[in-house]
Amino acid sequence: MRKESNQKPAGPLQPFSAIAVDYYSKYAVTKAITSASAEEVADFFVKELVLKFGSPKKILSDRGTAFWAKLTETIFSLVSIKQVKTTTYHPETN
């Protein structure tokens, strides 16, 4: 069963969506963002996840450049998060 979301769909002013899903509970946090840059991803991660729920032990992400930029790697190392990459061309992992 799926619950309707109050989040506005991505559009011309905010064409991207940042999505984080808890592996065990399947609880999802989403936010429309203006770009897929490392700064936007880091801002989403800190403000929407770490400050509200605490720091995760591990983060599984695709091989997007925003997740592997120096900024995000620095933030992840500061809060002791292990980064795990998905397998290339294997969408089932996402």
PDB file of N, CA and C in Angstrom:
ATOM      1  N   MET A   1       0.838  -1.164   0.000  1.00  0.00           N
ATOM      2  CA  MET A   1       0.000   0.000   0.000  1.00  0.00           C
ATOM      3  C   MET A   1       0.889   1.236   0.000  1.00  0.00           C
ATOM      4  N   ARG A   2       0.587   2.180  -0.845  1.00  0.00           N
ATOM      5  CA  ARG A   2       1.370   3.403  -0.929  1.00  0.00           C
ATOM      6  C   ARG A   2       0.564   4.575  -0.415  1.00  0.00           C
ATOM      7  N   LYS A   3       1.232   5.431   0.314  1.00  0.00           N
ATOM      8  CA  LYS A   3       0.590   6.624   0.844  1.00  0.00           C
ATOM      9  C   LYS A   3       0.910   7.800  -0.074  1.00  0.00           C
ATOM     10  N   GLU A   4      -0.072   8.631  -0.307  1.00  0.00           N
ATOM     11  CA  GLU A   4       0.142   9.806  -1.140  1.00  0.00           C
ATOM     12  C   GLU A   4       1.129  10.749  -0.473  1.00  0.00           C
ATOM     13  N   SER A   5       1.933  11.413  -1.275  1.00  0.00           N
ATOM     14  CA  SER A   5       2.925  12.344  -0.766  1.00  0.00           C
ATOM     15  C   SER A   5       2.434  13.779  -0.903  1.00  0.00           C
ATOM     16  N   ASN A   6       2.777  14.612   0.057  1.00  0.00           N
ATOM     17  CA  ASN A   6       2.460  16.032  -0.019  1.00  0.00           C
ATOM     18  C   ASN A   6       3.529  16.811  -0.765  1.00  0.00           C
ATOM     19  N   GLN A   7       4.595  16.136  -1.162  1.00  0.00           N
ATOM     20  CA  GLN A   7       5.686  16.798  -1.864  1.00  0.00           C
ATOM     21  C   GLN A   7       5.253  17.182  -3.267  1.00  0.00           C
ATOM     22  N   LYS A   8       5.571  18.403  -3.648  1.00  0.00           N
ATOM     23  CA  LYS A   8       5.281  18.843  -5.008  1.00  0.00           C
ATOM     24  C   LYS A   8       6.222  18.113  -5.957  1.00  0.00           C
ATOM     25  N   PRO A   9       5.755  17.767  -7.150  1.00  0.00           N
ATOM     26  CA  PRO A   9       6.640  17.095  -8.098  1.00  0.00           C
ATOM     27  C   PRO A   9       7.733  18.044  -8.575  1.00  0.00           C
ATOM     28  N   ALA A  10       8.836  17.465  -9.010  1.00  0.00           N
ATOM     29  CA  ALA A  10       9.922  18.284  -9.537  1.00  0.00           C
ATOM     30  C   ALA A  10       9.417  19.056 -10.747  1.00  0.00           C
ATOM     31  N   GLY A  11       9.890  20.253 -10.919  1.00  0.00           N
ATOM     32  CA  GLY A  11       9.443  21.103 -12.015  1.00  0.00           C
ATOM     33  C   GLY A  11      10.591  21.945 -12.527  1.00  0.00           C
ATOM     34  N   PRO A  12      10.299  22.969 -13.325  1.00  0.00           N
ATOM     35  CA  PRO A  12      11.366  23.762 -13.929  1.00  0.00           C
ATOM     36  C   PRO A  12      12.215  24.533 -12.913  1.00  0.00           C
ATOM     37  N   LEU A  13      11.644  24.925 -11.784  1.00  0.00           N
ATOM     38  CA  LEU A  13      12.421  25.667 -10.794  1.00  0.00           C
ATOM     39  C   LEU A  13      13.215  24.744  -9.878  1.00  0.00           C
ATOM     40  N   GLN A  14      12.722  23.545  -9.665  1.00  0.00           N
ATOM     41  CA  GLN A  14      13.423  22.548  -8.859  1.00  0.00           C
ATOM     42  C   GLN A  14      13.339  21.207  -9.584  1.00  0.00           C
ATOM     43  N   PRO A  15      14.210  21.013 -10.579  1.00  0.00           N
ATOM     44  CA  PRO A  15      14.087  19.850 -11.460  1.00  0.00           C
ATOM     45  C   PRO A  15      14.585  18.523 -10.897  1.00  0.00           C
ATOM     46  N   PHE A  16      15.186  18.525  -9.720  1.00  0.00           N
ATOM     47  CA  PHE A  16      15.733  17.296  -9.154  1.00  0.00           C
ATOM     48  C   PHE A  16      15.073  16.971  -7.822  1.00  0.00           C
ATOM     49  N   SER A  17      15.092  15.707  -7.461  1.00  0.00           N
ATOM     50  CA  SER A  17      14.593  15.272  -6.155  1.00  0.00           C
ATOM     51  C   SER A  17      15.696  14.520  -5.434  1.00  0.00           C
ATOM     52  N   ALA A  18      15.947  14.890  -4.195  1.00  0.00           N
ATOM     53  CA  ALA A  18      16.869  14.147  -3.343  1.00  0.00           C
ATOM     54  C   ALA A  18      16.018  13.170  -2.536  1.00  0.00           C
ATOM     55  N   ILE A  19      16.405  11.904  -2.541  1.00  0.00           N
ATOM     56  CA  ILE A  19      15.619  10.868  -1.876  1.00  0.00           C
ATOM     57  C   ILE A  19      16.545  10.020  -1.009  1.00  0.00           C
ATOM     58  N   ALA A  20      16.153   9.816   0.233  1.00  0.00           N
ATOM     59  CA  ALA A  20      16.883   8.936   1.144  1.00  0.00           C
ATOM     60  C   ALA A  20      15.885   7.941   1.722  1.00  0.00           C
ATOM     61  N   VAL A  21      16.241   6.658   1.699  1.00  0.00           N
ATOM     62  CA  VAL A  21      15.353   5.606   2.197  1.00  0.00           C
ATOM     63  C   VAL A  21      16.099   4.778   3.239  1.00  0.00           C
ATOM     64  N   ASP A  22      15.479   4.604   4.403  1.00  0.00           N
ATOM     65  CA  ASP A  22      16.045   3.751   5.441  1.00  0.00           C
ATOM     66  C   ASP A  22      15.938   2.301   4.991  1.00  0.00           C
ATOM     67  N   TYR A  23      17.041   1.580   5.063  1.00  0.00           N
ATOM     68  CA  TYR A  23      17.095   0.209   4.564  1.00  0.00           C
ATOM     69  C   TYR A  23      16.124  -0.724   5.286  1.00  0.00           C
ATOM     70  N   TYR A  24      15.990  -0.576   6.596  1.00  0.00           N
ATOM     71  CA  TYR A  24      15.170  -1.506   7.371  1.00  0.00           C
ATOM     72  C   TYR A  24      13.700  -1.123   7.421  1.00  0.00           C
ATOM     73  N   SER A  25      13.416   0.119   7.734  1.00  0.00           N
ATOM     74  CA  SER A  25      12.012   0.529   7.887  1.00  0.00           C
ATOM     75  C   SER A  25      11.370   0.966   6.579  1.00  0.00           C
ATOM     76  N   LYS A  26      12.190   1.242   5.572  1.00  0.00           N
ATOM     77  CA  LYS A  26      11.734   1.745   4.265  1.00  0.00           C
ATOM     78  C   LYS A  26      11.150   3.157   4.367  1.00  0.00           C
ATOM     79  N   TYR A  27      11.430   3.863   5.465  1.00  0.00           N
ATOM     80  CA  TYR A  27      10.987   5.245   5.637  1.00  0.00           C
ATOM     81  C   TYR A  27      11.768   6.118   4.659  1.00  0.00           C
ATOM     82  N   ALA A  28      11.075   6.954   3.915  1.00  0.00           N
ATOM     83  CA  ALA A  28      11.712   7.791   2.899  1.00  0.00           C
ATOM     84  C   ALA A  28      11.629   9.266   3.262  1.00  0.00           C
ATOM     85  N   VAL A  29      12.693   9.978   2.953  1.00  0.00           N
ATOM     86  CA  VAL A  29      12.748  11.430   3.094  1.00  0.00           C
ATOM     87  C   VAL A  29      13.048  11.980   1.709  1.00  0.00           C
ATOM     88  N   THR A  30      12.236  12.921   1.235  1.00  0.00           N
ATOM     89  CA  THR A  30      12.445  13.498  -0.091  1.00  0.00           C
ATOM     90  C   THR A  30      12.445  15.017  -0.007  1.00  0.00           C
ATOM     91  N   LYS A  31      13.123  15.627  -0.976  1.00  0.00           N
ATOM     92  CA  LYS A  31      13.154  17.085  -1.062  1.00  0.00           C
ATOM     93  C   LYS A  31      13.479  17.470  -2.497  1.00  0.00           C
ATOM     94  N   ALA A  32      12.729  18.431  -3.043  1.00  0.00           N
ATOM     95  CA  ALA A  32      13.028  18.962  -4.370  1.00  0.00           C
ATOM     96  C   ALA A  32      14.236  19.882  -4.249  1.00  0.00           C
ATOM     97  N   ILE A  33      15.209  19.701  -5.139  1.00  0.00           N
ATOM     98  CA  ILE A  33      16.421  20.521  -5.112  1.00  0.00           C
ATOM     99  C   ILE A  33      16.656  21.122  -6.493  1.00  0.00           C
ATOM    100  N   THR A  34      17.435  22.205  -6.534  1.00  0.00           N
ATOM    101  CA  THR A  34      17.627  22.935  -7.788  1.00  0.00           C
ATOM    102  C   THR A  34      18.704  22.338  -8.674  1.00  0.00           C
ATOM    103  N   SER A  35      19.644  21.584  -8.112  1.00  0.00           N
ATOM    104  CA  SER A  35      20.694  20.968  -8.924  1.00  0.00           C
ATOM    105  C   SER A  35      21.166  19.687  -8.248  1.00  0.00           C
ATOM    106  N   ALA A  36      21.878  18.879  -8.997  1.00  0.00           N
ATOM    107  CA  ALA A  36      22.410  17.628  -8.453  1.00  0.00           C
ATOM    108  C   ALA A  36      23.869  17.808  -8.048  1.00  0.00           C
ATOM    109  N   SER A  37      24.205  18.986  -7.546  1.00  0.00           N
ATOM    110  CA  SER A  37      25.584  19.289  -7.169  1.00  0.00           C
ATOM    111  C   SER A  37      25.915  18.706  -5.795  1.00  0.00           C
ATOM    112  N   ALA A  38      27.195  18.636  -5.515  1.00  0.00           N
ATOM    113  CA  ALA A  38      27.645  18.133  -4.216  1.00  0.00           C
ATOM    114  C   ALA A  38      27.154  19.028  -3.085  1.00  0.00           C
ATOM    115  N   GLU A  39      27.086  20.330  -3.328  1.00  0.00           N
ATOM    116  CA  GLU A  39      26.622  21.264  -2.299  1.00  0.00           C
ATOM    117  C   GLU A  39      25.165  20.998  -1.937  1.00  0.00           C
ATOM    118  N   GLU A  40      24.313  20.783  -2.949  1.00  0.00           N
ATOM    119  CA  GLU A  40      22.888  20.506  -2.704  1.00  0.00           C
ATOM    120  C   GLU A  40      22.710  19.174  -1.979  1.00  0.00           C
ATOM    121  N   VAL A  41      23.454  18.166  -2.403  1.00  0.00           N
ATOM    122  CA  VAL A  41      23.360  16.844  -1.774  1.00  0.00           C
ATOM    123  C   VAL A  41      23.845  16.912  -0.325  1.00  0.00           C
ATOM    124  N   ALA A  42      24.945  17.605  -0.089  1.00  0.00           N
ATOM    125  CA  ALA A  42      25.468  17.742   1.271  1.00  0.00           C
ATOM    126  C   ALA A  42      24.492  18.514   2.155  1.00  0.00           C
ATOM    127  N   ASP A  43      23.891  19.566   1.624  1.00  0.00           N
ATOM    128  CA  ASP A  43      22.904  20.348   2.367  1.00  0.00           C
ATOM    129  C   ASP A  43      21.701  19.480   2.739  1.00  0.00           C
ATOM    130  N   PHE A  44      21.190  18.710   1.777  1.00  0.00           N
ATOM    131  CA  PHE A  44      20.076  17.788   2.037  1.00  0.00           C
ATOM    132  C   PHE A  44      20.467  16.765   3.097  1.00  0.00           C
ATOM    133  N   PHE A  45      21.637  16.189   2.954  1.00  0.00           N
ATOM    134  CA  PHE A  45      22.084  15.153   3.877  1.00  0.00           C
ATOM    135  C   PHE A  45      22.171  15.671   5.310  1.00  0.00           C
ATOM    136  N   VAL A  46      22.806  16.814   5.481  1.00  0.00           N
ATOM    137  CA  VAL A  46      23.000  17.351   6.834  1.00  0.00           C
ATOM    138  C   VAL A  46      21.685  17.842   7.429  1.00  0.00           C
ATOM    139  N   LYS A  47      20.951  18.690   6.700  1.00  0.00           N
ATOM    140  CA  LYS A  47      19.743  19.314   7.258  1.00  0.00           C
ATOM    141  C   LYS A  47      18.562  18.356   7.384  1.00  0.00           C
ATOM    142  N   GLU A  48      18.375  17.478   6.412  1.00  0.00           N
ATOM    143  CA  GLU A  48      17.196  16.613   6.410  1.00  0.00           C
ATOM    144  C   GLU A  48      17.429  15.254   7.067  1.00  0.00           C
ATOM    145  N   LEU A  49      18.675  14.816   7.159  1.00  0.00           N
ATOM    146  CA  LEU A  49      18.935  13.488   7.723  1.00  0.00           C
ATOM    147  C   LEU A  49      19.708  13.540   9.039  1.00  0.00           C
ATOM    148  N   VAL A  50      20.915  14.077   9.000  1.00  0.00           N
ATOM    149  CA  VAL A  50      21.769  14.044  10.193  1.00  0.00           C
ATOM    150  C   VAL A  50      21.171  14.849  11.341  1.00  0.00           C
ATOM    151  N   LEU A  51      20.713  16.066  11.081  1.00  0.00           N
ATOM    152  CA  LEU A  51      20.182  16.901  12.161  1.00  0.00           C
ATOM    153  C   LEU A  51      18.848  16.392  12.701  1.00  0.00           C
ATOM    154  N   LYS A  52      18.071  15.693  11.877  1.00  0.00           N
ATOM    155  CA  LYS A  52      16.762  15.204  12.317  1.00  0.00           C
ATOM    156  C   LYS A  52      16.805  13.793  12.891  1.00  0.00           C
ATOM    157  N   PHE A  53      17.641  12.926  12.303  1.00  0.00           N
ATOM    158  CA  PHE A  53      17.623  11.511  12.681  1.00  0.00           C
ATOM    159  C   PHE A  53      18.944  11.001  13.241  1.00  0.00           C
ATOM    160  N   GLY A  54      19.995  11.776  13.123  1.00  0.00           N
ATOM    161  CA  GLY A  54      21.312  11.318  13.538  1.00  0.00           C
ATOM    162  C   GLY A  54      22.088  10.775  12.353  1.00  0.00           C
ATOM    163  N   SER A  55      23.313  10.471  12.585  1.00  0.00           N
ATOM    164  CA  SER A  55      24.201  10.023  11.521  1.00  0.00           C
ATOM    165  C   SER A  55      24.063   8.518  11.282  1.00  0.00           C
ATOM    166  N   PRO A  56      23.881   8.099  10.031  1.00  0.00           N
ATOM    167  CA  PRO A  56      23.837   6.657   9.756  1.00  0.00           C
ATOM    168  C   PRO A  56      25.240   6.055   9.822  1.00  0.00           C
ATOM    169  N   LYS A  57      25.321   4.755   9.975  1.00  0.00           N
ATOM    170  CA  LYS A  57      26.617   4.079   9.996  1.00  0.00           C
ATOM    171  C   LYS A  57      27.166   3.891   8.588  1.00  0.00           C
ATOM    172  N   LYS A  58      26.243   3.702   7.637  1.00  0.00           N
ATOM    173  CA  LYS A  58      26.644   3.405   6.267  1.00  0.00           C
ATOM    174  C   LYS A  58      25.676   4.084   5.313  1.00  0.00           C
ATOM    175  N   ILE A  59      26.176   4.511   4.153  1.00  0.00           N
ATOM    176  CA  ILE A  59      25.318   5.085   3.128  1.00  0.00           C
ATOM    177  C   ILE A  59      25.603   4.378   1.809  1.00  0.00           C
ATOM    178  N   LEU A  60      24.542   3.875   1.195  1.00  0.00           N
ATOM    179  CA  LEU A  60      24.623   3.216  -0.103  1.00  0.00           C
ATOM    180  C   LEU A  60      24.110   4.200  -1.137  1.00  0.00           C
ATOM    181  N   SER A  61      24.939   4.520  -2.112  1.00  0.00           N
ATOM    182  CA  SER A  61      24.530   5.481  -3.134  1.00  0.00           C
ATOM    183  C   SER A  61      24.978   5.007  -4.505  1.00  0.00           C
ATOM    184  N   ASP A  62      24.367   5.621  -5.520  1.00  0.00           N
ATOM    185  CA  ASP A  62      24.809   5.312  -6.870  1.00  0.00           C
ATOM    186  C   ASP A  62      26.177   5.967  -7.087  1.00  0.00           C
ATOM    187  N   ARG A  63      26.680   5.853  -8.271  1.00  0.00           N
ATOM    188  CA  ARG A  63      28.008   6.385  -8.556  1.00  0.00           C
ATOM    189  C   ARG A  63      27.956   7.821  -9.070  1.00  0.00           C
ATOM    190  N   GLY A  64      26.921   8.552  -8.659  1.00  0.00           N
ATOM    191  CA  GLY A  64      26.792   9.954  -9.054  1.00  0.00           C
ATOM    192  C   GLY A  64      27.932  10.793  -8.499  1.00  0.00           C
ATOM    193  N   THR A  65      28.363  11.771  -9.280  1.00  0.00           N
ATOM    194  CA  THR A  65      29.514  12.583  -8.882  1.00  0.00           C
ATOM    195  C   THR A  65      29.251  13.378  -7.611  1.00  0.00           C
ATOM    196  N   ALA A  66      28.008  13.714  -7.332  1.00  0.00           N
ATOM    197  CA  ALA A  66      27.698  14.480  -6.118  1.00  0.00           C
ATOM    198  C   ALA A  66      28.023  13.688  -4.856  1.00  0.00           C
ATOM    199  N   PHE A  67      27.887  12.367  -4.905  1.00  0.00           N
ATOM    200  CA  PHE A  67      28.161  11.536  -3.732  1.00  0.00           C
ATOM    201  C   PHE A  67      29.645  11.276  -3.531  1.00  0.00           C
ATOM    202  N   TRP A  68      30.426  11.412  -4.580  1.00  0.00           N
ATOM    203  CA  TRP A  68      31.845  11.093  -4.492  1.00  0.00           C
ATOM    204  C   TRP A  68      32.724  12.329  -4.632  1.00  0.00           C
ATOM    205  N   ALA A  69      32.129  13.506  -4.516  1.00  0.00           N
ATOM    206  CA  ALA A  69      32.891  14.753  -4.533  1.00  0.00           C
ATOM    207  C   ALA A  69      33.651  14.903  -3.217  1.00  0.00           C
ATOM    208  N   LYS A  70      34.672  15.712  -3.233  1.00  0.00           N
ATOM    209  CA  LYS A  70      35.493  15.922  -2.035  1.00  0.00           C
ATOM    210  C   LYS A  70      34.656  16.442  -0.869  1.00  0.00           C
ATOM    211  N   LEU A  71      33.702  17.338  -1.146  1.00  0.00           N
ATOM    212  CA  LEU A  71      32.854  17.908  -0.091  1.00  0.00           C
ATOM    213  C   LEU A  71      32.057  16.829   0.632  1.00  0.00           C
ATOM    214  N   THR A  72      31.349  15.993  -0.115  1.00  0.00           N
ATOM    215  CA  THR A  72      30.532  14.963   0.527  1.00  0.00           C
ATOM    216  C   THR A  72      31.401  13.898   1.197  1.00  0.00           C
ATOM    217  N   GLU A  73      32.525  13.560   0.582  1.00  0.00           N
ATOM    218  CA  GLU A  73      33.425  12.596   1.226  1.00  0.00           C
ATOM    219  C   GLU A  73      33.946  13.136   2.551  1.00  0.00           C
ATOM    220  N   THR A  74      34.234  14.437   2.603  1.00  0.00           N
ATOM    221  CA  THR A  74      34.707  15.058   3.843  1.00  0.00           C
ATOM    222  C   THR A  74      33.625  15.029   4.918  1.00  0.00           C
ATOM    223  N   ILE A  75      32.402  15.375   4.546  1.00  0.00           N
ATOM    224  CA  ILE A  75      31.294  15.355   5.507  1.00  0.00           C
ATOM    225  C   ILE A  75      31.061  13.940   6.024  1.00  0.00           C
ATOM    226  N   PHE A  76      31.049  12.962   5.124  1.00  0.00           N
ATOM    227  CA  PHE A  76      30.834  11.578   5.538  1.00  0.00           C
ATOM    228  C   PHE A  76      31.947  11.104   6.474  1.00  0.00           C
ATOM    229  N   SER A  77      33.184  11.482   6.203  1.00  0.00           N
ATOM    230  CA  SER A  77      34.278  11.051   7.079  1.00  0.00           C
ATOM    231  C   SER A  77      34.224  11.758   8.436  1.00  0.00           C
ATOM    232  N   LEU A  78      33.766  13.013   8.467  1.00  0.00           N
ATOM    233  CA  LEU A  78      33.659  13.744   9.740  1.00  0.00           C
ATOM    234  C   LEU A  78      32.648  13.109  10.691  1.00  0.00           C
ATOM    235  N   VAL A  79      31.578  12.553  10.141  1.00  0.00           N
ATOM    236  CA  VAL A  79      30.558  11.932  10.988  1.00  0.00           C
ATOM    237  C   VAL A  79      30.659  10.404  10.971  1.00  0.00           C
ATOM    238  N   SER A  80      31.805   9.899  10.519  1.00  0.00           N
ATOM    239  CA  SER A  80      32.136   8.462  10.538  1.00  0.00           C
ATOM    240  C   SER A  80      31.124   7.597   9.798  1.00  0.00           C
ATOM    241  N   ILE A  81      30.854   7.952   8.551  1.00  0.00           N
ATOM    242  CA  ILE A  81      29.939   7.175   7.722  1.00  0.00           C
ATOM    243  C   ILE A  81      30.742   6.422   6.667  1.00  0.00           C
ATOM    244  N   LYS A  82      30.476   5.141   6.553  1.00  0.00           N
ATOM    245  CA  LYS A  82      31.108   4.331   5.522  1.00  0.00           C
ATOM    246  C   LYS A  82      30.295   4.478   4.240  1.00  0.00           C
ATOM    247  N   GLN A  83      30.970   4.806   3.140  1.00  0.00           N
ATOM    248  CA  GLN A  83      30.303   4.933   1.848  1.00  0.00           C
ATOM    249  C   GLN A  83      30.399   3.619   1.087  1.00  0.00           C
ATOM    250  N   VAL A  84      29.282   3.205   0.503  1.00  0.00           N
ATOM    251  CA  VAL A  84      29.238   1.996  -0.308  1.00  0.00           C
ATOM    252  C   VAL A  84      28.645   2.363  -1.658  1.00  0.00           C
ATOM    253  N   LYS A  85      29.314   1.959  -2.731  1.00  0.00           N
ATOM    254  CA  LYS A  85      28.831   2.243  -4.085  1.00  0.00           C
ATOM    255  C   LYS A  85      27.962   1.094  -4.584  1.00  0.00           C
ATOM    256  N   THR A  86      26.967   1.440  -5.396  1.00  0.00           N
ATOM    257  CA  THR A  86      26.173   0.404  -6.046  1.00  0.00           C
ATOM    258  C   THR A  86      26.972  -0.175  -7.209  1.00  0.00           C
ATOM    259  N   THR A  87      26.567  -1.330  -7.662  1.00  0.00           N
ATOM    260  CA  THR A  87      27.190  -1.946  -8.813  1.00  0.00           C
ATOM    261  C   THR A  87      26.800  -1.176 -10.068  1.00  0.00           C
ATOM    262  N   THR A  88      27.747  -0.980 -10.959  1.00  0.00           N
ATOM    263  CA  THR A  88      27.481  -0.255 -12.194  1.00  0.00           C
ATOM    264  C   THR A  88      26.445  -0.990 -13.035  1.00  0.00           C
ATOM    265  N   TYR A  89      25.516  -0.243 -13.595  1.00  0.00           N
ATOM    266  CA  TYR A  89      24.456  -0.758 -14.470  1.00  0.00           C
ATOM    267  C   TYR A  89      23.637  -1.870 -13.809  1.00  0.00           C
ATOM    268  N   HIS A  90      23.331  -1.693 -12.543  1.00  0.00           N
ATOM    269  CA  HIS A  90      22.524  -2.672 -11.813  1.00  0.00           C
ATOM    270  C   HIS A  90      21.458  -1.914 -11.028  1.00  0.00           C
ATOM    271  N   PRO A  91      20.364  -1.487 -11.699  1.00  0.00           N
ATOM    272  CA  PRO A  91      19.367  -0.630 -11.056  1.00  0.00           C
ATOM    273  C   PRO A  91      18.630  -1.286  -9.893  1.00  0.00           C
ATOM    274  N   GLU A  92      18.646  -2.601  -9.787  1.00  0.00           N
ATOM    275  CA  GLU A  92      17.967  -3.270  -8.685  1.00  0.00           C
ATOM    276  C   GLU A  92      18.591  -2.894  -7.342  1.00  0.00           C
ATOM    277  N   THR A  93      19.848  -2.494  -7.358  1.00  0.00           N
ATOM    278  CA  THR A  93      20.530  -2.101  -6.132  1.00  0.00           C
ATOM    279  C   THR A  93      19.948  -0.822  -5.569  1.00  0.00           C
ATOM    280  N   ASN A  94      19.514   0.072  -6.440  1.00  0.00           N
ATOM    281  CA  ASN A  94      18.935   1.333  -5.976  1.00  0.00           C
ATOM    282  C   ASN A  94      17.637   1.009  -5.335  1.00  0.00           C
TER     283      ASN A  94
END
